[in-house]
Amino acid sequence: MQAVLFIMLRDGIGLTDDLQQKIHQTIRAATTPRHVPAKIIAVTDIPRTSKR
């Protein structure tokens, strides 16, 4: 099973190869290699569920 990371970026920031590499390195340093996402996808919004 491969992990996929969906991220929201600030306006004017693009998902460059350098940024993806930095994200991979940060996750790898803070966790284990299996937590490093196979794909990083920039999205405009993250769905949220509301508490009732």
PDB file of N, CA and C in Angstrom:
ATOM      1  N   MET A   1       0.840  -1.174   0.000  1.00  0.00           N
ATOM      2  CA  MET A   1       0.000   0.000   0.000  1.00  0.00           C
ATOM      3  C   MET A   1       0.889   1.242   0.000  1.00  0.00           C
ATOM      4  N   GLN A   2       0.574   2.174  -0.872  1.00  0.00           N
ATOM      5  CA  GLN A   2       1.361   3.394  -0.969  1.00  0.00           C
ATOM      6  C   GLN A   2       0.560   4.572  -0.422  1.00  0.00           C
ATOM      7  N   ALA A   3       1.260   5.438   0.283  1.00  0.00           N
ATOM      8  CA  ALA A   3       0.607   6.623   0.836  1.00  0.00           C
ATOM      9  C   ALA A   3       0.565   7.738  -0.202  1.00  0.00           C
ATOM     10  N   VAL A   4      -0.512   8.515  -0.143  1.00  0.00           N
ATOM     11  CA  VAL A   4      -0.665   9.697  -0.984  1.00  0.00           C
ATOM     12  C   VAL A   4      -0.904  10.871  -0.053  1.00  0.00           C
ATOM     13  N   LEU A   5      -0.198  11.957  -0.262  1.00  0.00           N
ATOM     14  CA  LEU A   5      -0.330  13.152   0.565  1.00  0.00           C
ATOM     15  C   LEU A   5      -1.009  14.242  -0.238  1.00  0.00           C
ATOM     16  N   PHE A   6      -2.145  14.725   0.255  1.00  0.00           N
ATOM     17  CA  PHE A   6      -2.845  15.855  -0.355  1.00  0.00           C
ATOM     18  C   PHE A   6      -2.510  17.086   0.475  1.00  0.00           C
ATOM     19  N   ILE A   7      -2.038  18.136  -0.189  1.00  0.00           N
ATOM     20  CA  ILE A   7      -1.668  19.340   0.544  1.00  0.00           C
ATOM     21  C   ILE A   7      -2.304  20.574  -0.086  1.00  0.00           C
ATOM     22  N   MET A   8      -2.582  21.539   0.766  1.00  0.00           N
ATOM     23  CA  MET A   8      -3.050  22.848   0.313  1.00  0.00           C
ATOM     24  C   MET A   8      -1.875  23.802   0.450  1.00  0.00           C
ATOM     25  N   LEU A   9      -1.550  24.481  -0.624  1.00  0.00           N
ATOM     26  CA  LEU A   9      -0.442  25.417  -0.618  1.00  0.00           C
ATOM     27  C   LEU A   9      -0.953  26.851  -0.516  1.00  0.00           C
ATOM     28  N   ARG A  10      -0.126  27.711   0.034  1.00  0.00           N
ATOM     29  CA  ARG A  10      -0.477  29.123   0.091  1.00  0.00           C
ATOM     30  C   ARG A  10      -0.528  29.692  -1.318  1.00  0.00           C
ATOM     31  N   ASP A  11      -1.275  30.771  -1.477  1.00  0.00           N
ATOM     32  CA  ASP A  11      -1.345  31.442  -2.776  1.00  0.00           C
ATOM     33  C   ASP A  11       0.052  31.821  -3.241  1.00  0.00           C
ATOM     34  N   GLY A  12       0.318  31.575  -4.505  1.00  0.00           N
ATOM     35  CA  GLY A  12       1.603  31.940  -5.082  1.00  0.00           C
ATOM     36  C   GLY A  12       2.688  30.890  -4.913  1.00  0.00           C
ATOM     37  N   ILE A  13       2.393  29.803  -4.211  1.00  0.00           N
ATOM     38  CA  ILE A  13       3.382  28.744  -4.004  1.00  0.00           C
ATOM     39  C   ILE A  13       2.979  27.550  -4.864  1.00  0.00           C
ATOM     40  N   GLY A  14       3.929  27.031  -5.605  1.00  0.00           N
ATOM     41  CA  GLY A  14       3.665  25.872  -6.449  1.00  0.00           C
ATOM     42  C   GLY A  14       4.336  24.634  -5.887  1.00  0.00           C
ATOM     43  N   LEU A  15       3.860  23.500  -6.279  1.00  0.00           N
ATOM     44  CA  LEU A  15       4.432  22.232  -5.831  1.00  0.00           C
ATOM     45  C   LEU A  15       5.588  21.861  -6.757  1.00  0.00           C
ATOM     46  N   THR A  16       6.744  22.391  -6.458  1.00  0.00           N
ATOM     47  CA  THR A  16       7.940  22.156  -7.266  1.00  0.00           C
ATOM     48  C   THR A  16       8.614  20.850  -6.857  1.00  0.00           C
ATOM     49  N   ASP A  17       9.537  20.405  -7.670  1.00  0.00           N
ATOM     50  CA  ASP A  17      10.305  19.207  -7.332  1.00  0.00           C
ATOM     51  C   ASP A  17      11.096  19.425  -6.045  1.00  0.00           C
ATOM     52  N   ASP A  18      11.649  20.634  -5.873  1.00  0.00           N
ATOM     53  CA  ASP A  18      12.407  20.940  -4.655  1.00  0.00           C
ATOM     54  C   ASP A  18      11.522  20.863  -3.418  1.00  0.00           C
ATOM     55  N   LEU A  19      10.300  21.389  -3.501  1.00  0.00           N
ATOM     56  CA  LEU A  19       9.383  21.342  -2.369  1.00  0.00           C
ATOM     57  C   LEU A  19       8.982  19.900  -2.067  1.00  0.00           C
ATOM     58  N   GLN A  20       8.722  19.118  -3.094  1.00  0.00           N
ATOM     59  CA  GLN A  20       8.375  17.711  -2.874  1.00  0.00           C
ATOM     60  C   GLN A  20       9.519  16.971  -2.192  1.00  0.00           C
ATOM     61  N   GLN A  21      10.734  17.236  -2.608  1.00  0.00           N
ATOM     62  CA  GLN A  21      11.908  16.602  -2.006  1.00  0.00           C
ATOM     63  C   GLN A  21      12.032  16.994  -0.539  1.00  0.00           C
ATOM     64  N   LYS A  22      11.801  18.268  -0.236  1.00  0.00           N
ATOM     65  CA  LYS A  22      11.877  18.745   1.148  1.00  0.00           C
ATOM     66  C   LYS A  22      10.803  18.075   2.005  1.00  0.00           C
ATOM     67  N   ILE A  23       9.598  17.923   1.471  1.00  0.00           N
ATOM     68  CA  ILE A  23       8.517  17.251   2.195  1.00  0.00           C
ATOM     69  C   ILE A  23       8.894  15.797   2.466  1.00  0.00           C
ATOM     70  N   HIS A  24       9.410  15.105   1.451  1.00  0.00           N
ATOM     71  CA  HIS A  24       9.838  13.716   1.629  1.00  0.00           C
ATOM     72  C   HIS A  24      10.911  13.610   2.720  1.00  0.00           C
ATOM     73  N   GLN A  25      11.901  14.481   2.669  1.00  0.00           N
ATOM     74  CA  GLN A  25      12.990  14.442   3.650  1.00  0.00           C
ATOM     75  C   GLN A  25      12.488  14.720   5.061  1.00  0.00           C
ATOM     76  N   THR A  26      11.576  15.680   5.195  1.00  0.00           N
ATOM     77  CA  THR A  26      11.040  16.034   6.510  1.00  0.00           C
ATOM     78  C   THR A  26      10.244  14.875   7.100  1.00  0.00           C
ATOM     79  N   ILE A  27       9.404  14.256   6.287  1.00  0.00           N
ATOM     80  CA  ILE A  27       8.612  13.116   6.768  1.00  0.00           C
ATOM     81  C   ILE A  27       9.517  11.947   7.116  1.00  0.00           C
ATOM     82  N   ARG A  28      10.504  11.677   6.284  1.00  0.00           N
ATOM     83  CA  ARG A  28      11.419  10.564   6.530  1.00  0.00           C
ATOM     84  C   ARG A  28      12.211  10.780   7.821  1.00  0.00           C
ATOM     85  N   ALA A  29      12.612  12.019   8.099  1.00  0.00           N
ATOM     86  CA  ALA A  29      13.388  12.316   9.308  1.00  0.00           C
ATOM     87  C   ALA A  29      12.533  12.220  10.572  1.00  0.00           C
ATOM     88  N   ALA A  30      11.241  12.538  10.459  1.00  0.00           N
ATOM     89  CA  ALA A  30      10.367  12.559  11.629  1.00  0.00           C
ATOM     90  C   ALA A  30       9.661  11.235  11.882  1.00  0.00           C
ATOM     91  N   THR A  31       9.592  10.376  10.856  1.00  0.00           N
ATOM     92  CA  THR A  31       8.869   9.108  10.993  1.00  0.00           C
ATOM     93  C   THR A  31       9.721   7.985  10.418  1.00  0.00           C
ATOM     94  N   THR A  32       9.083   7.020   9.823  1.00  0.00           N
ATOM     95  CA  THR A  32       9.803   5.909   9.203  1.00  0.00           C
ATOM     96  C   THR A  32       9.631   5.989   7.686  1.00  0.00           C
ATOM     97  N   PRO A  33      10.497   5.331   6.932  1.00  0.00           N
ATOM     98  CA  PRO A  33      10.391   5.397   5.472  1.00  0.00           C
ATOM     99  C   PRO A  33       9.034   4.957   4.919  1.00  0.00           C
ATOM    100  N   ARG A  34       8.335   4.082   5.613  1.00  0.00           N
ATOM    101  CA  ARG A  34       7.042   3.637   5.090  1.00  0.00           C
ATOM    102  C   ARG A  34       5.979   4.730   5.137  1.00  0.00           C
ATOM    103  N   HIS A  35       6.222   5.785   5.908  1.00  0.00           N
ATOM    104  CA  HIS A  35       5.281   6.903   5.988  1.00  0.00           C
ATOM    105  C   HIS A  35       5.512   7.949   4.887  1.00  0.00           C
ATOM    106  N   VAL A  36       6.591   7.825   4.154  1.00  0.00           N
ATOM    107  CA  VAL A  36       6.889   8.770   3.080  1.00  0.00           C
ATOM    108  C   VAL A  36       5.919   8.521   1.931  1.00  0.00           C
ATOM    109  N   PRO A  37       5.189   9.562   1.507  1.00  0.00           N
ATOM    110  CA  PRO A  37       4.185   9.352   0.464  1.00  0.00           C
ATOM    111  C   PRO A  37       4.798   9.024  -0.888  1.00  0.00           C
ATOM    112  N   ALA A  38       4.118   8.163  -1.633  1.00  0.00           N
ATOM    113  CA  ALA A  38       4.544   7.836  -2.992  1.00  0.00           C
ATOM    114  C   ALA A  38       4.199   8.985  -3.928  1.00  0.00           C
ATOM    115  N   LYS A  39       3.116   9.694  -3.602  1.00  0.00           N
ATOM    116  CA  LYS A  39       2.666  10.828  -4.415  1.00  0.00           C
ATOM    117  C   LYS A  39       2.302  11.976  -3.495  1.00  0.00           C
ATOM    118  N   ILE A  40       2.583  13.184  -3.961  1.00  0.00           N
ATOM    119  CA  ILE A  40       2.141  14.391  -3.280  1.00  0.00           C
ATOM    120  C   ILE A  40       1.301  15.162  -4.282  1.00  0.00           C
ATOM    121  N   ILE A  41       0.077  15.462  -3.896  1.00  0.00           N
ATOM    122  CA  ILE A  41      -0.856  16.131  -4.799  1.00  0.00           C
ATOM    123  C   ILE A  41      -1.338  17.420  -4.164  1.00  0.00           C
ATOM    124  N   ALA A  42      -1.165  18.534  -4.877  1.00  0.00           N
ATOM    125  CA  ALA A  42      -1.657  19.822  -4.403  1.00  0.00           C
ATOM    126  C   ALA A  42      -3.130  19.949  -4.748  1.00  0.00           C
ATOM    127  N   VAL A  43      -3.934  20.350  -3.765  1.00  0.00           N
ATOM    128  CA  VAL A  43      -5.371  20.527  -3.963  1.00  0.00           C
ATOM    129  C   VAL A  43      -5.771  21.925  -3.511  1.00  0.00           C
ATOM    130  N   THR A  44      -6.914  22.384  -3.987  1.00  0.00           N
ATOM    131  CA  THR A  44      -7.377  23.720  -3.615  1.00  0.00           C
ATOM    132  C   THR A  44      -8.168  23.720  -2.317  1.00  0.00           C
ATOM    133  N   ASP A  45      -8.695  22.560  -1.920  1.00  0.00           N
ATOM    134  CA  ASP A  45      -9.462  22.477  -0.683  1.00  0.00           C
ATOM    135  C   ASP A  45      -9.416  21.049  -0.158  1.00  0.00           C
ATOM    136  N   ILE A  46      -9.464  20.929   1.152  1.00  0.00           N
ATOM    137  CA  ILE A  46      -9.505  19.624   1.801  1.00  0.00           C
ATOM    138  C   ILE A  46     -10.916  19.446   2.369  1.00  0.00           C
ATOM    139  N   PRO A  47     -11.626  18.390   2.001  1.00  0.00           N
ATOM    140  CA  PRO A  47     -12.967  18.181   2.549  1.00  0.00           C
ATOM    141  C   PRO A  47     -12.914  17.962   4.060  1.00  0.00           C
ATOM    142  N   ARG A  48     -13.841  18.528   4.739  1.00  0.00           N
ATOM    143  CA  ARG A  48     -13.931  18.363   6.192  1.00  0.00           C
ATOM    144  C   ARG A  48     -15.327  17.902   6.544  1.00  0.00           C
ATOM    145  N   THR A  49     -15.434  17.097   7.568  1.00  0.00           N
ATOM    146  CA  THR A  49     -16.737  16.691   8.058  1.00  0.00           C
ATOM    147  C   THR A  49     -17.130  17.608   9.205  1.00  0.00           C
ATOM    148  N   SER A  50     -18.380  17.900   9.312  1.00  0.00           N
ATOM    149  CA  SER A  50     -18.823  18.768  10.401  1.00  0.00           C
ATOM    150  C   SER A  50     -19.294  17.925  11.572  1.00  0.00           C
ATOM    151  N   LYS A  51     -19.039  18.442  12.752  1.00  0.00           N
ATOM    152  CA  LYS A  51     -19.516  17.759  13.962  1.00  0.00           C
ATOM    153  C   LYS A  51     -20.962  18.172  14.184  1.00  0.00           C
ATOM    154  N   ARG A  52     -21.768  17.219  14.509  1.00  0.00           N
ATOM    155  CA  ARG A  52     -23.189  17.527  14.743  1.00  0.00           C
ATOM    156  C   ARG A  52     -23.504  17.460  16.197  1.00  0.00           C
TER     157      ARG A  52
END
